[in-house]
C-alpha atoms as a PDB file:
ATOM      1  CA  MET A   1      15.647  32.842  18.365  1.00  0.00           C
ATOM      2  CA  LEU A   2      17.197  29.382  18.482  1.00  0.00           C
ATOM      3  CA  SER A   3      15.865  26.842  20.938  1.00  0.00           C
ATOM      4  CA  ALA A   4      18.100  25.240  23.498  1.00  0.00           C
ATOM      5  CA  PRO A   5      19.601  21.858  22.628  1.00  0.00           C
ATOM      6  CA  PRO A   6      18.014  18.809  24.259  1.00  0.00           C
ATOM      7  CA  PRO A   7      19.308  17.941  27.718  1.00  0.00           C
ATOM      8  CA  PRO A   8      22.038  15.327  27.970  1.00  0.00           C
ATOM      9  CA  PRO A   9      20.879  11.789  28.834  1.00  0.00           C
ATOM     10  CA  SER A  10      21.997  12.219  32.465  1.00  0.00           C
ATOM     11  CA  ALA A  11      19.379  14.985  32.874  1.00  0.00           C
ATOM     12  CA  PHE A  12      16.498  12.526  32.298  1.00  0.00           C
ATOM     13  CA  PRO A  13      14.530  11.586  35.403  1.00  0.00           C
ATOM     14  CA  GLY A  14      15.744   8.332  36.887  1.00  0.00           C
ATOM     15  CA  GLY A  15      19.217   8.477  35.344  1.00  0.00           C
ATOM     16  CA  GLY A  16      20.361   8.705  31.757  1.00  0.00           C
ATOM     17  CA  ARG A  17      21.351   5.213  30.712  1.00  0.00           C
ATOM     18  CA  GLU A  18      18.592   3.559  32.712  1.00  0.00           C
ATOM     19  CA  SER A  19      15.936   5.863  31.227  1.00  0.00           C
ATOM     20  CA  ALA A  20      17.326   5.439  27.727  1.00  0.00           C
ATOM     21  CA  ALA A  21      17.223   1.653  28.150  1.00  0.00           C
ATOM     22  CA  ARG A  22      13.616   1.854  29.380  1.00  0.00           C
ATOM     23  CA  LEU A  23      12.727   4.065  26.432  1.00  0.00           C
ATOM     24  CA  ARG A  24      14.316   1.601  23.977  1.00  0.00           C
ATOM     25  CA  ALA A  25      12.455  -1.301  25.617  1.00  0.00           C
ATOM     26  CA  ASN A  26       9.164   0.595  25.427  1.00  0.00           C
ATOM     27  CA  LEU A  27       9.769   1.443  21.775  1.00  0.00           C
ATOM     28  CA  ARG A  28      10.516  -2.226  20.997  1.00  0.00           C
ATOM     29  CA  ALA A  29       7.315  -3.293  22.791  1.00  0.00           C
ATOM     30  CA  PHE A  30       5.298  -0.677  20.904  1.00  0.00           C
ATOM     31  CA  ALA A  31       6.776  -1.792  17.582  1.00  0.00           C
ATOM     32  CA  ALA A  32       5.956  -5.431  18.361  1.00  0.00           C
ATOM     33  CA  GLN A  33       2.389  -4.480  19.261  1.00  0.00           C
ATOM     34  CA  SER A  34       2.099  -2.431  16.072  1.00  0.00           C
ATOM     35  CA  GLU A  35       3.316  -5.368  13.987  1.00  0.00           C
ATOM     36  CA  GLU A  36       0.903  -7.671  15.780  1.00  0.00           C
ATOM     37  CA  ALA A  37      -1.954  -5.208  15.250  1.00  0.00           C
ATOM     38  CA  THR A  38      -1.093  -5.016  11.554  1.00  0.00           C
ATOM     39  CA  LEU A  39      -1.174  -8.807  11.268  1.00  0.00           C
ATOM     40  CA  VAL A  40      -4.469  -9.001  13.150  1.00  0.00           C
ATOM     41  CA  MET A  41      -6.031  -6.348  10.921  1.00  0.00           C
ATOM     42  CA  ARG A  42      -4.768  -8.113   7.791  1.00  0.00           C
ATOM     43  CA  ASP A  43      -6.295 -11.372   9.043  1.00  0.00           C
ATOM     44  CA  LEU A  44      -9.602  -9.652   9.848  1.00  0.00           C
ATOM     45  CA  ARG A  45      -9.755  -8.068   6.384  1.00  0.00           C
ATOM     46  CA  ALA A  46      -9.086 -11.456   4.781  1.00  0.00           C
ATOM     47  CA  ARG A  47     -11.822 -13.090   6.853  1.00  0.00           C
ATOM     48  CA  CYS A  48     -14.280 -10.330   5.945  1.00  0.00           C
ATOM     49  CA  ARG A  49     -13.405 -10.710   2.256  1.00  0.00           C
ATOM     50  CA  ASP A  50     -13.956 -14.470   2.536  1.00  0.00           C
ATOM     51  CA  ARG A  51     -17.377 -13.968   4.119  1.00  0.00           C
ATOM     52  CA  VAL A  52     -18.420 -11.431   1.505  1.00  0.00           C
ATOM     53  CA  ALA A  53     -17.114 -13.705  -1.239  1.00  0.00           C
ATOM     54  CA  ALA A  54     -19.140 -16.617   0.115  1.00  0.00           C
ATOM     55  CA  ARG A  55     -22.316 -14.515   0.217  1.00  0.00           C
ATOM     56  CA  THR A  56     -21.884 -12.762  -3.112  1.00  0.00           C
ATOM     57  CA  GLY A  57     -20.205 -15.466  -5.183  1.00  0.00           C
ATOM     58  CA  ARG A  58     -17.145 -13.384  -5.979  1.00  0.00           C
ATOM     59  CA  ASN A  59     -14.327 -15.040  -7.905  1.00  0.00           C
ATOM     60  CA  HIS A  60     -11.483 -17.043  -6.372  1.00  0.00           C
ATOM     61  CA  ALA A  61      -9.136 -14.032  -6.254  1.00  0.00           C
ATOM     62  CA  HIS A  62     -11.733 -12.096  -4.220  1.00  0.00           C
ATOM     63  CA  LEU A  63     -11.865  -9.305  -6.783  1.00  0.00           C
ATOM     64  CA  THR A  64     -15.138  -7.522  -7.370  1.00  0.00           C
ATOM     65  CA  THR A  65     -16.510  -7.087 -10.874  1.00  0.00           C
ATOM     66  CA  ARG A  66     -15.310  -3.483 -10.837  1.00  0.00           C
ATOM     67  CA  GLU A  67     -11.829  -4.517  -9.655  1.00  0.00           C
ATOM     68  CA  LEU A  68     -11.656  -7.113 -12.435  1.00  0.00           C
ATOM     69  CA  HIS A  69     -12.597  -4.422 -14.964  1.00  0.00           C
ATOM     70  CA  ILE A  70      -9.892  -2.120 -13.611  1.00  0.00           C
ATOM     71  CA  LEU A  71      -7.375  -4.990 -13.653  1.00  0.00           C
ATOM     72  CA  ARG A  72      -8.198  -5.598 -17.321  1.00  0.00           C
ATOM     73  CA  LEU A  73      -7.647  -1.902 -18.087  1.00  0.00           C
ATOM     74  CA  ILE A  74      -4.323  -2.039 -16.217  1.00  0.00           C
ATOM     75  CA  GLY A  75      -3.445  -5.049 -18.374  1.00  0.00           C
ATOM     76  CA  ASP A  76      -4.282  -2.954 -21.436  1.00  0.00           C
ATOM     77  CA  GLY A  77      -1.610  -0.479 -20.312  1.00  0.00           C
ATOM     78  CA  MET A  78      -3.871   2.287 -19.026  1.00  0.00           C
ATOM     79  CA  ASP A  79      -2.731   4.493 -16.149  1.00  0.00           C
ATOM     80  CA  ASN A  80      -4.984   5.650 -13.294  1.00  0.00           C
ATOM     81  CA  VAL A  81      -5.998   8.898 -15.010  1.00  0.00           C
ATOM     82  CA  GLU A  82      -7.004   7.069 -18.194  1.00  0.00           C
ATOM     83  CA  ILE A  83      -8.951   4.479 -16.206  1.00  0.00           C
ATOM     84  CA  ALA A  84     -10.742   7.231 -14.252  1.00  0.00           C
ATOM     85  CA  ARG A  85     -11.748   8.928 -17.498  1.00  0.00           C
ATOM     86  CA  GLU A  86     -12.829   5.642 -19.080  1.00  0.00           C
ATOM     87  CA  LEU A  87     -15.022   4.636 -16.127  1.00  0.00           C
ATOM     88  CA  HIS A  88     -16.122   8.179 -15.177  1.00  0.00           C
ATOM     89  CA  PHE A  89     -14.813   7.794 -11.615  1.00  0.00           C
ATOM     90  CA  ALA A  90     -12.738  10.098  -9.454  1.00  0.00           C
ATOM     91  CA  LEU A  91      -8.995   9.486  -9.583  1.00  0.00           C
ATOM     92  CA  GLY A  92      -8.966   8.746  -5.837  1.00  0.00           C
ATOM     93  CA  THR A  93     -11.541   5.995  -6.333  1.00  0.00           C
ATOM     94  CA  ILE A  94      -9.377   4.347  -8.981  1.00  0.00           C
ATOM     95  CA  LYS A  95      -6.304   4.584  -6.754  1.00  0.00           C
ATOM     96  CA  LEU A  96      -8.234   2.900  -3.949  1.00  0.00           C
ATOM     97  CA  HIS A  97      -9.320   0.066  -6.260  1.00  0.00           C
ATOM     98  CA  VAL A  98      -5.776  -0.378  -7.577  1.00  0.00           C
ATOM     99  CA  ARG A  99      -4.416  -0.617  -4.012  1.00  0.00           C
ATOM    100  CA  GLU A 100      -7.031  -3.250  -3.174  1.00  0.00           C
ATOM    101  CA  ILE A 101      -6.207  -5.192  -6.340  1.00  0.00           C
ATOM    102  CA  LEU A 102      -2.493  -5.179  -5.534  1.00  0.00           C
ATOM    103  CA  GLU A 103      -3.137  -6.280  -1.942  1.00  0.00           C
ATOM    104  CA  GLN A 104      -5.555  -9.033  -2.894  1.00  0.00           C
ATOM    105  CA  LEU A 105      -3.250 -10.415  -5.570  1.00  0.00           C
ATOM    106  CA  GLY A 106      -0.266 -10.156  -3.214  1.00  0.00           C
ATOM    107  CA  VAL A 107       1.841  -8.038  -5.561  1.00  0.00           C
ATOM    108  CA  HIS A 108       3.514  -4.645  -5.334  1.00  0.00           C
ATOM    109  CA  THR A 109       3.318  -3.240  -8.857  1.00  0.00           C
ATOM    110  CA  ARG A 110       0.710  -2.755 -11.560  1.00  0.00           C
ATOM    111  CA  ALA A 111       2.774  -4.868 -13.965  1.00  0.00           C
ATOM    112  CA  ALA A 112       2.902  -7.713 -11.443  1.00  0.00           C
ATOM    113  CA  ALA A 113      -0.871  -7.403 -10.985  1.00  0.00           C
ATOM    114  CA  ALA A 114      -1.407  -7.744 -14.734  1.00  0.00           C
ATOM    115  CA  VAL A 115       0.861 -10.798 -14.853  1.00  0.00           C
ATOM    116  CA  ALA A 116      -0.928 -12.353 -11.855  1.00  0.00           C
ATOM    117  CA  GLY A 117      -4.271 -11.635 -13.509  1.00  0.00           C
ATOM    118  CA  VAL A 118      -3.211 -13.420 -16.688  1.00  0.00           C
ATOM    119  CA  ARG A 119      -1.729 -16.377 -14.788  1.00  0.00           C
ATOM    120  CA  GLN A 120      -4.896 -16.785 -12.727  1.00  0.00           C
ATOM    121  CA  GLY A 121      -7.130 -16.453 -15.775  1.00  0.00           C
ATOM    122  CA  LEU A 122      -8.727 -13.261 -14.510  1.00  0.00           C
ATOM    123  CA  ILE A 123      -7.875 -11.196 -17.587  1.00  0.00           C
END
């Protein structure tokens, strides 16, 4: 059986246009808070990486030894499955490392990560 169509805007409590405007305003506020939360979380992650780097002596790009190894394998043209086999890790683990590498280098693709690695002298 088909469900009934949604009620027209005038059937909303408090009036249609007024309620729709309130809903739009609430959605905009939520989106702004979500963006702000994303920026705060990004800043917190960067600060945590900086603290760990200071304690552990990680390199200037904040990549771990394992991430550097994976970046080198990416630079050699290996895909995630090949890297997982080479290092004897689960595919999901490699994907996680690749995401972290991309984020830390500020790039969006594996090719861009390899180029950034070469330019920064990491590989």
